[in-house]
mmCIF file of all heavy atoms, coordinates in Angstrom:
data_MODEL
# 
_entry.id   MODEL 
# 
loop_
_atom_site.group_PDB 
_atom_site.id 
_atom_site.type_symbol 
_atom_site.label_atom_id 
_atom_site.label_alt_id 
_atom_site.label_comp_id 
_atom_site.label_asym_id 
_atom_site.label_entity_id 
_atom_site.label_seq_id 
_atom_site.pdbx_PDB_ins_code 
_atom_site.Cartn_x 
_atom_site.Cartn_y 
_atom_site.Cartn_z 
_atom_site.occupancy 
_atom_site.B_iso_or_equiv 
_atom_site.pdbx_formal_charge 
_atom_site.auth_seq_id 
_atom_site.auth_comp_id 
_atom_site.auth_asym_id 
_atom_site.auth_atom_id 
_atom_site.pdbx_PDB_model_num 
ATOM 1   N N   . PRO A 1 1  ? 8.837  0.316  -45.693 1.00 0.00 ? 1  PRO A N   1 
ATOM 2   C CA  . PRO A 1 1  ? 9.495  1.587  -45.390 1.00 0.00 ? 1  PRO A CA  1 
ATOM 3   C C   . PRO A 1 1  ? 9.142  2.439  -44.223 1.00 0.00 ? 1  PRO A C   1 
ATOM 4   O O   . PRO A 1 1  ? 9.897  3.263  -43.818 1.00 0.00 ? 1  PRO A O   1 
ATOM 5   C CB  . PRO A 1 1  ? 9.030  2.368  -46.656 1.00 0.00 ? 1  PRO A CB  1 
ATOM 6   C CG  . PRO A 1 1  ? 7.778  1.729  -47.171 1.00 0.00 ? 1  PRO A CG  1 
ATOM 7   C CD  . PRO A 1 1  ? 7.856  0.255  -46.831 1.00 0.00 ? 1  PRO A CD  1 
ATOM 8   N N   . ASP A 1 2  ? 8.027  2.056  -43.576 1.00 0.00 ? 2  ASP A N   1 
ATOM 9   C CA  . ASP A 1 2  ? 7.591  2.701  -42.356 1.00 0.00 ? 2  ASP A CA  1 
ATOM 10  C C   . ASP A 1 2  ? 8.054  2.159  -41.208 1.00 0.00 ? 2  ASP A C   1 
ATOM 11  O O   . ASP A 1 2  ? 7.909  2.623  -39.961 1.00 0.00 ? 2  ASP A O   1 
ATOM 12  C CB  . ASP A 1 2  ? 6.084  2.913  -42.226 1.00 0.00 ? 2  ASP A CB  1 
ATOM 13  C CG  . ASP A 1 2  ? 5.476  3.761  -43.468 1.00 0.00 ? 2  ASP A CG  1 
ATOM 14  O OD1 . ASP A 1 2  ? 6.176  4.642  -43.883 1.00 0.00 ? 2  ASP A OD1 1 
ATOM 15  O OD2 . ASP A 1 2  ? 4.257  3.506  -43.828 1.00 0.00 ? 2  ASP A OD2 1 
ATOM 16  N N   . ALA A 1 3  ? 8.722  1.053  -41.230 1.00 0.00 ? 3  ALA A N   1 
ATOM 17  C CA  . ALA A 1 3  ? 9.088  0.324  -40.012 1.00 0.00 ? 3  ALA A CA  1 
ATOM 18  C C   . ALA A 1 3  ? 10.328 1.086  -39.398 1.00 0.00 ? 3  ALA A C   1 
ATOM 19  O O   . ALA A 1 3  ? 11.189 1.703  -40.014 1.00 0.00 ? 3  ALA A O   1 
ATOM 20  C CB  . ALA A 1 3  ? 9.676  -1.178 -40.417 1.00 0.00 ? 3  ALA A CB  1 
ATOM 21  N N   . VAL A 1 4  ? 10.451 0.844  -38.113 1.00 0.00 ? 4  VAL A N   1 
ATOM 22  C CA  . VAL A 1 4  ? 11.619 1.342  -37.302 1.00 0.00 ? 4  VAL A CA  1 
ATOM 23  C C   . VAL A 1 4  ? 12.662 0.325  -37.242 1.00 0.00 ? 4  VAL A C   1 
ATOM 24  O O   . VAL A 1 4  ? 12.341 -0.771 -36.701 1.00 0.00 ? 4  VAL A O   1 
ATOM 25  C CB  . VAL A 1 4  ? 11.107 1.817  -35.828 1.00 0.00 ? 4  VAL A CB  1 
ATOM 26  C CG1 . VAL A 1 4  ? 12.308 2.178  -35.056 1.00 0.00 ? 4  VAL A CG1 1 
ATOM 27  C CG2 . VAL A 1 4  ? 10.157 2.986  -35.982 1.00 0.00 ? 4  VAL A CG2 1 
ATOM 28  N N   . VAL A 1 5  ? 13.837 0.655  -37.512 1.00 0.00 ? 5  VAL A N   1 
ATOM 29  C CA  . VAL A 1 5  ? 14.999 -0.302 -37.423 1.00 0.00 ? 5  VAL A CA  1 
ATOM 30  C C   . VAL A 1 5  ? 16.079 0.291  -36.579 1.00 0.00 ? 5  VAL A C   1 
ATOM 31  O O   . VAL A 1 5  ? 16.683 1.228  -36.969 1.00 0.00 ? 5  VAL A O   1 
ATOM 32  C CB  . VAL A 1 5  ? 15.571 -0.706 -38.854 1.00 0.00 ? 5  VAL A CB  1 
ATOM 33  C CG1 . VAL A 1 5  ? 16.542 -1.657 -38.747 1.00 0.00 ? 5  VAL A CG1 1 
ATOM 34  C CG2 . VAL A 1 5  ? 14.333 -1.203 -39.770 1.00 0.00 ? 5  VAL A CG2 1 
ATOM 35  N N   . GLY A 1 6  ? 16.441 -0.383 -35.499 1.00 0.00 ? 6  GLY A N   1 
ATOM 36  C CA  . GLY A 1 6  ? 17.431 0.198  -34.640 1.00 0.00 ? 6  GLY A CA  1 
ATOM 37  C C   . GLY A 1 6  ? 18.592 -0.677 -34.639 1.00 0.00 ? 6  GLY A C   1 
ATOM 38  O O   . GLY A 1 6  ? 18.610 -1.822 -35.074 1.00 0.00 ? 6  GLY A O   1 
ATOM 39  N N   . ARG A 1 7  ? 19.762 -0.183 -34.135 1.00 0.00 ? 7  ARG A N   1 
ATOM 40  C CA  . ARG A 1 7  ? 21.019 -0.894 -34.149 1.00 0.00 ? 7  ARG A CA  1 
ATOM 41  C C   . ARG A 1 7  ? 21.776 -0.679 -32.731 1.00 0.00 ? 7  ARG A C   1 
ATOM 42  O O   . ARG A 1 7  ? 21.805 0.515  -32.260 1.00 0.00 ? 7  ARG A O   1 
ATOM 43  C CB  . ARG A 1 7  ? 21.933 -0.366 -35.249 1.00 0.00 ? 7  ARG A CB  1 
ATOM 44  C CG  . ARG A 1 7  ? 23.353 -0.974 -35.270 1.00 0.00 ? 7  ARG A CG  1 
ATOM 45  C CD  . ARG A 1 7  ? 23.261 -2.438 -35.683 1.00 0.00 ? 7  ARG A CD  1 
ATOM 46  N NE  . ARG A 1 7  ? 23.446 -2.551 -37.137 1.00 0.00 ? 7  ARG A NE  1 
ATOM 47  C CZ  . ARG A 1 7  ? 23.348 -3.728 -37.799 1.00 0.00 ? 7  ARG A CZ  1 
ATOM 48  N NH1 . ARG A 1 7  ? 22.994 -4.845 -37.180 1.00 0.00 ? 7  ARG A NH1 1 
ATOM 49  N NH2 . ARG A 1 7  ? 23.487 -3.771 -39.037 1.00 0.00 ? 7  ARG A NH2 1 
ATOM 50  N N   . SER A 1 8  ? 22.337 -1.670 -32.263 1.00 0.00 ? 8  SER A N   1 
ATOM 51  C CA  . SER A 1 8  ? 23.171 -1.479 -31.143 1.00 0.00 ? 8  SER A CA  1 
ATOM 52  C C   . SER A 1 8  ? 24.583 -1.099 -31.453 1.00 0.00 ? 8  SER A C   1 
ATOM 53  O O   . SER A 1 8  ? 25.121 -1.673 -32.424 1.00 0.00 ? 8  SER A O   1 
ATOM 54  C CB  . SER A 1 8  ? 23.214 -2.910 -30.301 1.00 0.00 ? 8  SER A CB  1 
ATOM 55  O OG  . SER A 1 8  ? 22.054 -3.386 -29.719 1.00 0.00 ? 8  SER A OG  1 
ATOM 56  N N   . VAL A 1 9  ? 25.204 -0.189 -30.689 1.00 0.00 ? 9  VAL A N   1 
ATOM 57  C CA  . VAL A 1 9  ? 26.543 0.260  -30.945 1.00 0.00 ? 9  VAL A CA  1 
ATOM 58  C C   . VAL A 1 9  ? 27.321 0.327  -29.613 1.00 0.00 ? 9  VAL A C   1 
ATOM 59  O O   . VAL A 1 9  ? 26.651 0.647  -28.596 1.00 0.00 ? 9  VAL A O   1 
ATOM 60  C CB  . VAL A 1 9  ? 26.474 1.574  -31.779 1.00 0.00 ? 9  VAL A CB  1 
ATOM 61  C CG1 . VAL A 1 9  ? 25.762 1.476  -33.012 1.00 0.00 ? 9  VAL A CG1 1 
ATOM 62  C CG2 . VAL A 1 9  ? 25.955 2.673  -30.876 1.00 0.00 ? 9  VAL A CG2 1 
ATOM 63  N N   . GLY A 1 10 ? 28.545 0.170  -29.712 1.00 0.00 ? 10 GLY A N   1 
ATOM 64  C CA  . GLY A 1 10 ? 29.467 0.343  -28.508 1.00 0.00 ? 10 GLY A CA  1 
ATOM 65  C C   . GLY A 1 10 ? 30.508 1.328  -28.628 1.00 0.00 ? 10 GLY A C   1 
ATOM 66  O O   . GLY A 1 10 ? 31.406 1.328  -27.731 1.00 0.00 ? 10 GLY A O   1 
ATOM 67  N N   . SER A 1 11 ? 30.522 2.168  -29.617 1.00 0.00 ? 11 SER A N   1 
ATOM 68  C CA  . SER A 1 11 ? 31.520 3.286  -29.782 1.00 0.00 ? 11 SER A CA  1 
ATOM 69  C C   . SER A 1 11 ? 31.061 4.305  -30.702 1.00 0.00 ? 11 SER A C   1 
ATOM 70  O O   . SER A 1 11 ? 29.959 4.121  -31.426 1.00 0.00 ? 11 SER A O   1 
ATOM 71  C CB  . SER A 1 11 ? 32.796 2.590  -30.508 1.00 0.00 ? 11 SER A CB  1 
ATOM 72  O OG  . SER A 1 11 ? 32.490 2.183  -31.845 1.00 0.00 ? 11 SER A OG  1 
ATOM 73  N N   . ALA A 1 12 ? 31.629 5.391  -30.661 1.00 0.00 ? 12 ALA A N   1 
ATOM 74  C CA  . ALA A 1 12 ? 31.317 6.478  -31.521 1.00 0.00 ? 12 ALA A CA  1 
ATOM 75  C C   . ALA A 1 12 ? 31.346 6.102  -32.982 1.00 0.00 ? 12 ALA A C   1 
ATOM 76  O O   . ALA A 1 12 ? 30.575 6.471  -33.842 1.00 0.00 ? 12 ALA A O   1 
ATOM 77  C CB  . ALA A 1 12 ? 32.100 7.772  -31.187 1.00 0.00 ? 12 ALA A CB  1 
ATOM 78  N N   . GLU A 1 13 ? 32.461 5.239  -33.347 1.00 0.00 ? 13 GLU A N   1 
ATOM 79  C CA  . GLU A 1 13 ? 32.652 4.876  -34.676 1.00 0.00 ? 13 GLU A CA  1 
ATOM 80  C C   . GLU A 1 13 ? 31.496 4.052  -35.186 1.00 0.00 ? 13 GLU A C   1 
ATOM 81  O O   . GLU A 1 13 ? 31.002 4.163  -36.284 1.00 0.00 ? 13 GLU A O   1 
ATOM 82  C CB  . GLU A 1 13 ? 33.999 4.239  -34.967 1.00 0.00 ? 13 GLU A CB  1 
ATOM 83  C CG  . GLU A 1 13 ? 35.226 4.988  -34.649 1.00 0.00 ? 13 GLU A CG  1 
ATOM 84  C CD  . GLU A 1 13 ? 35.413 5.372  -33.083 1.00 0.00 ? 13 GLU A CD  1 
ATOM 85  O OE1 . GLU A 1 13 ? 34.933 4.634  -32.136 1.00 0.00 ? 13 GLU A OE1 1 
ATOM 86  O OE2 . GLU A 1 13 ? 36.320 6.176  -32.900 1.00 0.00 ? 13 GLU A OE2 1 
ATOM 87  N N   . GLU A 1 14 ? 31.108 2.968  -34.300 1.00 0.00 ? 14 GLU A N   1 
ATOM 88  C CA  . GLU A 1 14 ? 30.014 2.251  -34.664 1.00 0.00 ? 14 GLU A CA  1 
ATOM 89  C C   . GLU A 1 14 ? 28.721 3.106  -34.809 1.00 0.00 ? 14 GLU A C   1 
ATOM 90  O O   . GLU A 1 14 ? 27.757 2.723  -35.645 1.00 0.00 ? 14 GLU A O   1 
ATOM 91  C CB  . GLU A 1 14 ? 29.797 1.082  -33.611 1.00 0.00 ? 14 GLU A CB  1 
ATOM 92  C CG  . GLU A 1 14 ? 30.830 -0.011 -33.730 1.00 0.00 ? 14 GLU A CG  1 
ATOM 93  C CD  . GLU A 1 14 ? 30.726 -1.041 -32.748 1.00 0.00 ? 14 GLU A CD  1 
ATOM 94  O OE1 . GLU A 1 14 ? 29.678 -0.924 -31.868 1.00 0.00 ? 14 GLU A OE1 1 
ATOM 95  O OE2 . GLU A 1 14 ? 31.338 -2.000 -32.772 1.00 0.00 ? 14 GLU A OE2 1 
ATOM 96  N N   . ALA A 1 15 ? 28.574 3.993  -34.040 1.00 0.00 ? 15 ALA A N   1 
ATOM 97  C CA  . ALA A 1 15 ? 27.347 4.866  -34.129 1.00 0.00 ? 15 ALA A CA  1 
ATOM 98  C C   . ALA A 1 15 ? 27.325 5.623  -35.421 1.00 0.00 ? 15 ALA A C   1 
ATOM 99  O O   . ALA A 1 15 ? 26.271 5.606  -36.114 1.00 0.00 ? 15 ALA A O   1 
ATOM 100 C CB  . ALA A 1 15 ? 27.398 5.957  -33.008 1.00 0.00 ? 15 ALA A CB  1 
ATOM 101 N N   . VAL A 1 16 ? 28.418 6.207  -35.858 1.00 0.00 ? 16 VAL A N   1 
ATOM 102 C CA  . VAL A 1 16 ? 28.456 6.869  -37.140 1.00 0.00 ? 16 VAL A CA  1 
ATOM 103 C C   . VAL A 1 16 ? 28.072 5.859  -38.306 1.00 0.00 ? 16 VAL A C   1 
ATOM 104 O O   . VAL A 1 16 ? 27.348 6.106  -39.250 1.00 0.00 ? 16 VAL A O   1 
ATOM 105 C CB  . VAL A 1 16 ? 29.788 7.555  -37.453 1.00 0.00 ? 16 VAL A CB  1 
ATOM 106 C CG1 . VAL A 1 16 ? 30.000 8.061  -38.858 1.00 0.00 ? 16 VAL A CG1 1 
ATOM 107 C CG2 . VAL A 1 16 ? 30.091 8.653  -36.441 1.00 0.00 ? 16 VAL A CG2 1 
ATOM 108 N N   . GLU A 1 17 ? 28.700 4.687  -38.182 1.00 0.00 ? 17 GLU A N   1 
ATOM 109 C CA  . GLU A 1 17 ? 28.488 3.756  -39.193 1.00 0.00 ? 17 GLU A CA  1 
ATOM 110 C C   . GLU A 1 17 ? 27.066 3.256  -39.312 1.00 0.00 ? 17 GLU A C   1 
ATOM 111 O O   . GLU A 1 17 ? 26.490 3.054  -40.322 1.00 0.00 ? 17 GLU A O   1 
ATOM 112 C CB  . GLU A 1 17 ? 29.341 2.509  -38.983 1.00 0.00 ? 17 GLU A CB  1 
ATOM 113 C CG  . GLU A 1 17 ? 29.243 1.352  -40.015 1.00 0.00 ? 17 GLU A CG  1 
ATOM 114 C CD  . GLU A 1 17 ? 29.332 1.810  -41.548 1.00 0.00 ? 17 GLU A CD  1 
ATOM 115 O OE1 . GLU A 1 17 ? 30.196 2.654  -41.737 1.00 0.00 ? 17 GLU A OE1 1 
ATOM 116 O OE2 . GLU A 1 17 ? 28.767 1.253  -42.430 1.00 0.00 ? 17 GLU A OE2 1 
ATOM 117 N N   . ALA A 1 18 ? 26.382 3.041  -38.178 1.00 0.00 ? 18 ALA A N   1 
ATOM 118 C CA  . ALA A 1 18 ? 24.955 2.625  -38.040 1.00 0.00 ? 18 ALA A CA  1 
ATOM 119 C C   . ALA A 1 18 ? 24.073 3.695  -38.763 1.00 0.00 ? 18 ALA A C   1 
ATOM 120 O O   . ALA A 1 18 ? 23.201 3.345  -39.463 1.00 0.00 ? 18 ALA A O   1 
ATOM 121 C CB  . ALA A 1 18 ? 24.694 2.382  -36.721 1.00 0.00 ? 18 ALA A CB  1 
ATOM 122 N N   . VAL A 1 19 ? 24.390 4.797  -38.484 1.00 0.00 ? 19 VAL A N   1 
ATOM 123 C CA  . VAL A 1 19 ? 23.599 5.969  -39.089 1.00 0.00 ? 19 VAL A CA  1 
ATOM 124 C C   . VAL A 1 19 ? 23.704 6.006  -40.523 1.00 0.00 ? 19 VAL A C   1 
ATOM 125 O O   . VAL A 1 19 ? 22.837 6.126  -41.260 1.00 0.00 ? 19 VAL A O   1 
ATOM 126 C CB  . VAL A 1 19 ? 23.913 7.323  -38.430 1.00 0.00 ? 19 VAL A CB  1 
ATOM 127 C CG1 . VAL A 1 19 ? 23.097 8.426  -39.192 1.00 0.00 ? 19 VAL A CG1 1 
ATOM 128 C CG2 . VAL A 1 19 ? 23.451 7.319  -36.982 1.00 0.00 ? 19 VAL A CG2 1 
ATOM 129 N N   . ARG A 1 20 ? 24.900 5.790  -40.971 1.00 0.00 ? 20 ARG A N   1 
ATOM 130 C CA  . ARG A 1 20 ? 25.306 5.745  -42.413 1.00 0.00 ? 20 ARG A CA  1 
ATOM 131 C C   . ARG A 1 20 ? 24.567 4.618  -43.039 1.00 0.00 ? 20 ARG A C   1 
ATOM 132 O O   . ARG A 1 20 ? 24.045 4.750  -44.261 1.00 0.00 ? 20 ARG A O   1 
ATOM 133 C CB  . ARG A 1 20 ? 26.782 5.712  -42.581 1.00 0.00 ? 20 ARG A CB  1 
ATOM 134 C CG  . ARG A 1 20 ? 27.227 5.803  -44.153 1.00 0.00 ? 20 ARG A CG  1 
ATOM 135 C CD  . ARG A 1 20 ? 28.697 5.576  -44.248 1.00 0.00 ? 20 ARG A CD  1 
ATOM 136 N NE  . ARG A 1 20 ? 29.394 6.731  -43.607 1.00 0.00 ? 20 ARG A NE  1 
ATOM 137 C CZ  . ARG A 1 20 ? 30.256 6.527  -42.574 1.00 0.00 ? 20 ARG A CZ  1 
ATOM 138 N NH1 . ARG A 1 20 ? 30.675 5.358  -42.158 1.00 0.00 ? 20 ARG A NH1 1 
ATOM 139 N NH2 . ARG A 1 20 ? 30.943 7.582  -42.166 1.00 0.00 ? 20 ARG A NH2 1 
ATOM 140 N N   . GLU A 1 21 ? 24.509 3.580  -42.343 1.00 0.00 ? 21 GLU A N   1 
ATOM 141 C CA  . GLU A 1 21 ? 23.823 2.347  -42.807 1.00 0.00 ? 21 GLU A CA  1 
ATOM 142 C C   . GLU A 1 21 ? 22.316 2.406  -42.837 1.00 0.00 ? 21 GLU A C   1 
ATOM 143 O O   . GLU A 1 21 ? 21.569 1.677  -43.561 1.00 0.00 ? 21 GLU A O   1 
ATOM 144 C CB  . GLU A 1 21 ? 24.056 1.189  -41.938 1.00 0.00 ? 21 GLU A CB  1 
ATOM 145 C CG  . GLU A 1 21 ? 23.771 -0.229 -42.597 1.00 0.00 ? 21 GLU A CG  1 
ATOM 146 C CD  . GLU A 1 21 ? 24.067 -1.312 -41.612 1.00 0.00 ? 21 GLU A CD  1 
ATOM 147 O OE1 . GLU A 1 21 ? 24.688 -1.190 -40.461 1.00 0.00 ? 21 GLU A OE1 1 
ATOM 148 O OE2 . GLU A 1 21 ? 23.688 -2.586 -41.888 1.00 0.00 ? 21 GLU A OE2 1 
ATOM 149 N N   . GLY A 1 22 ? 21.713 3.486  -42.190 1.00 0.00 ? 22 GLY A N   1 
ATOM 150 C CA  . GLY A 1 22 ? 20.257 3.749  -42.247 1.00 0.00 ? 22 GLY A CA  1 
ATOM 151 C C   . GLY A 1 22 ? 19.561 3.429  -41.017 1.00 0.00 ? 22 GLY A C   1 
ATOM 152 O O   . GLY A 1 22 ? 18.304 3.278  -40.984 1.00 0.00 ? 22 GLY A O   1 
ATOM 153 N N   . ALA A 1 23 ? 20.230 3.308  -39.875 1.00 0.00 ? 23 ALA A N   1 
ATOM 154 C CA  . ALA A 1 23 ? 19.554 3.012  -38.620 1.00 0.00 ? 23 ALA A CA  1 
ATOM 155 C C   . ALA A 1 23 ? 18.633 4.246  -38.178 1.00 0.00 ? 23 ALA A C   1 
ATOM 156 O O   . ALA A 1 23 ? 18.998 5.403  -38.388 1.00 0.00 ? 23 ALA A O   1 
ATOM 157 C CB  . ALA A 1 23 ? 20.508 2.735  -37.423 1.00 0.00 ? 23 ALA A CB  1 
ATOM 158 N N   . ASP A 1 24 ? 17.483 3.866  -37.748 1.00 0.00 ? 24 ASP A N   1 
ATOM 159 C CA  . ASP A 1 24 ? 16.469 4.980  -37.319 1.00 0.00 ? 24 ASP A CA  1 
ATOM 160 C C   . ASP A 1 24 ? 16.726 5.390  -35.882 1.00 0.00 ? 24 ASP A C   1 
ATOM 161 O O   . ASP A 1 24 ? 16.326 6.486  -35.526 1.00 0.00 ? 24 ASP A O   1 
ATOM 162 C CB  . ASP A 1 24 ? 15.045 4.421  -37.371 1.00 0.00 ? 24 ASP A CB  1 
ATOM 163 C CG  . ASP A 1 24 ? 14.647 4.133  -38.779 1.00 0.00 ? 24 ASP A CG  1 
ATOM 164 O OD1 . ASP A 1 24 ? 14.915 4.945  -39.641 1.00 0.00 ? 24 ASP A OD1 1 
ATOM 165 O OD2 . ASP A 1 24 ? 14.126 2.988  -39.085 1.00 0.00 ? 24 ASP A OD2 1 
ATOM 166 N N   . TYR A 1 25 ? 17.397 4.535  -35.077 1.00 0.00 ? 25 TYR A N   1 
ATOM 167 C CA  . TYR A 1 25 ? 17.806 4.875  -33.737 1.00 0.00 ? 25 TYR A CA  1 
ATOM 168 C C   . TYR A 1 25 ? 18.899 3.870  -33.214 1.00 0.00 ? 25 TYR A C   1 
ATOM 169 O O   . TYR A 1 25 ? 19.211 2.891  -33.921 1.00 0.00 ? 25 TYR A O   1 
ATOM 170 C CB  . TYR A 1 25 ? 16.566 4.777  -32.753 1.00 0.00 ? 25 TYR A CB  1 
ATOM 171 C CG  . TYR A 1 25 ? 16.173 3.439  -32.331 1.00 0.00 ? 25 TYR A CG  1 
ATOM 172 C CD1 . TYR A 1 25 ? 16.671 2.780  -31.230 1.00 0.00 ? 25 TYR A CD1 1 
ATOM 173 C CD2 . TYR A 1 25 ? 15.260 2.675  -33.171 1.00 0.00 ? 25 TYR A CD2 1 
ATOM 174 C CE1 . TYR A 1 25 ? 16.333 1.491  -30.884 1.00 0.00 ? 25 TYR A CE1 1 
ATOM 175 C CE2 . TYR A 1 25 ? 14.931 1.386  -32.883 1.00 0.00 ? 25 TYR A CE2 1 
ATOM 176 C CZ  . TYR A 1 25 ? 15.372 0.886  -31.640 1.00 0.00 ? 25 TYR A CZ  1 
ATOM 177 O OH  . TYR A 1 25 ? 15.005 -0.496 -31.353 1.00 0.00 ? 25 TYR A OH  1 
ATOM 178 N N   . LEU A 1 26 ? 19.548 4.325  -32.188 1.00 0.00 ? 26 LEU A N   1 
ATOM 179 C CA  . LEU A 1 26 ? 20.694 3.509  -31.714 1.00 0.00 ? 26 LEU A CA  1 
ATOM 180 C C   . LEU A 1 26 ? 20.383 3.203  -30.192 1.00 0.00 ? 26 LEU A C   1 
ATOM 181 O O   . LEU A 1 26 ? 19.851 4.029  -29.463 1.00 0.00 ? 26 LEU A O   1 
ATOM 182 C CB  . LEU A 1 26 ? 21.920 4.255  -31.855 1.00 0.00 ? 26 LEU A CB  1 
ATOM 183 C CG  . LEU A 1 26 ? 22.352 4.871  -33.136 1.00 0.00 ? 26 LEU A CG  1 
ATOM 184 C CD1 . LEU A 1 26 ? 23.633 5.645  -33.100 1.00 0.00 ? 26 LEU A CD1 1 
ATOM 185 C CD2 . LEU A 1 26 ? 22.383 3.686  -34.260 1.00 0.00 ? 26 LEU A CD2 1 
ATOM 186 N N   . GLY A 1 27 ? 20.934 1.984  -29.750 1.00 0.00 ? 27 GLY A N   1 
ATOM 187 C CA  . GLY A 1 27 ? 21.086 1.738  -28.410 1.00 0.00 ? 27 GLY A CA  1 
ATOM 188 C C   . GLY A 1 27 ? 22.656 1.737  -28.193 1.00 0.00 ? 27 GLY A C   1 
ATOM 189 O O   . GLY A 1 27 ? 23.427 1.029  -28.803 1.00 0.00 ? 27 GLY A O   1 
ATOM 190 N N   . VAL A 1 28 ? 23.044 2.619  -27.255 1.00 0.00 ? 28 VAL A N   1 
ATOM 191 C CA  . VAL A 1 28 ? 24.514 2.973  -27.045 1.00 0.00 ? 28 VAL A CA  1 
ATOM 192 C C   . VAL A 1 28 ? 24.911 2.388  -25.776 1.00 0.00 ? 28 VAL A C   1 
ATOM 193 O O   . VAL A 1 28 ? 24.400 2.673  -24.655 1.00 0.00 ? 28 VAL A O   1 
ATOM 194 C CB  . VAL A 1 28 ? 24.758 4.456  -27.079 1.00 0.00 ? 28 VAL A CB  1 
ATOM 195 C CG1 . VAL A 1 28 ? 26.197 4.677  -26.779 1.00 0.00 ? 28 VAL A CG1 1 
ATOM 196 C CG2 . VAL A 1 28 ? 24.370 5.023  -28.486 1.00 0.00 ? 28 VAL A CG2 1 
ATOM 197 N N   . GLY A 1 29 ? 25.864 1.527  -25.678 1.00 0.00 ? 29 GLY A N   1 
ATOM 198 C CA  . GLY A 1 29 ? 26.383 0.841  -24.546 1.00 0.00 ? 29 GLY A CA  1 
ATOM 199 C C   . GLY A 1 29 ? 26.972 -0.556 -24.700 1.00 0.00 ? 29 GLY A C   1 
ATOM 200 O O   . GLY A 1 29 ? 27.115 -0.846 -25.887 1.00 0.00 ? 29 GLY A O   1 
# 
């Protein structure tokens, strides 16, 4: 539970979905 899990996203829609999925941070580009 203490691990940091990030997600790559390439659009605003993917960013919203990644946060909804539980991403702790995003790489945008």
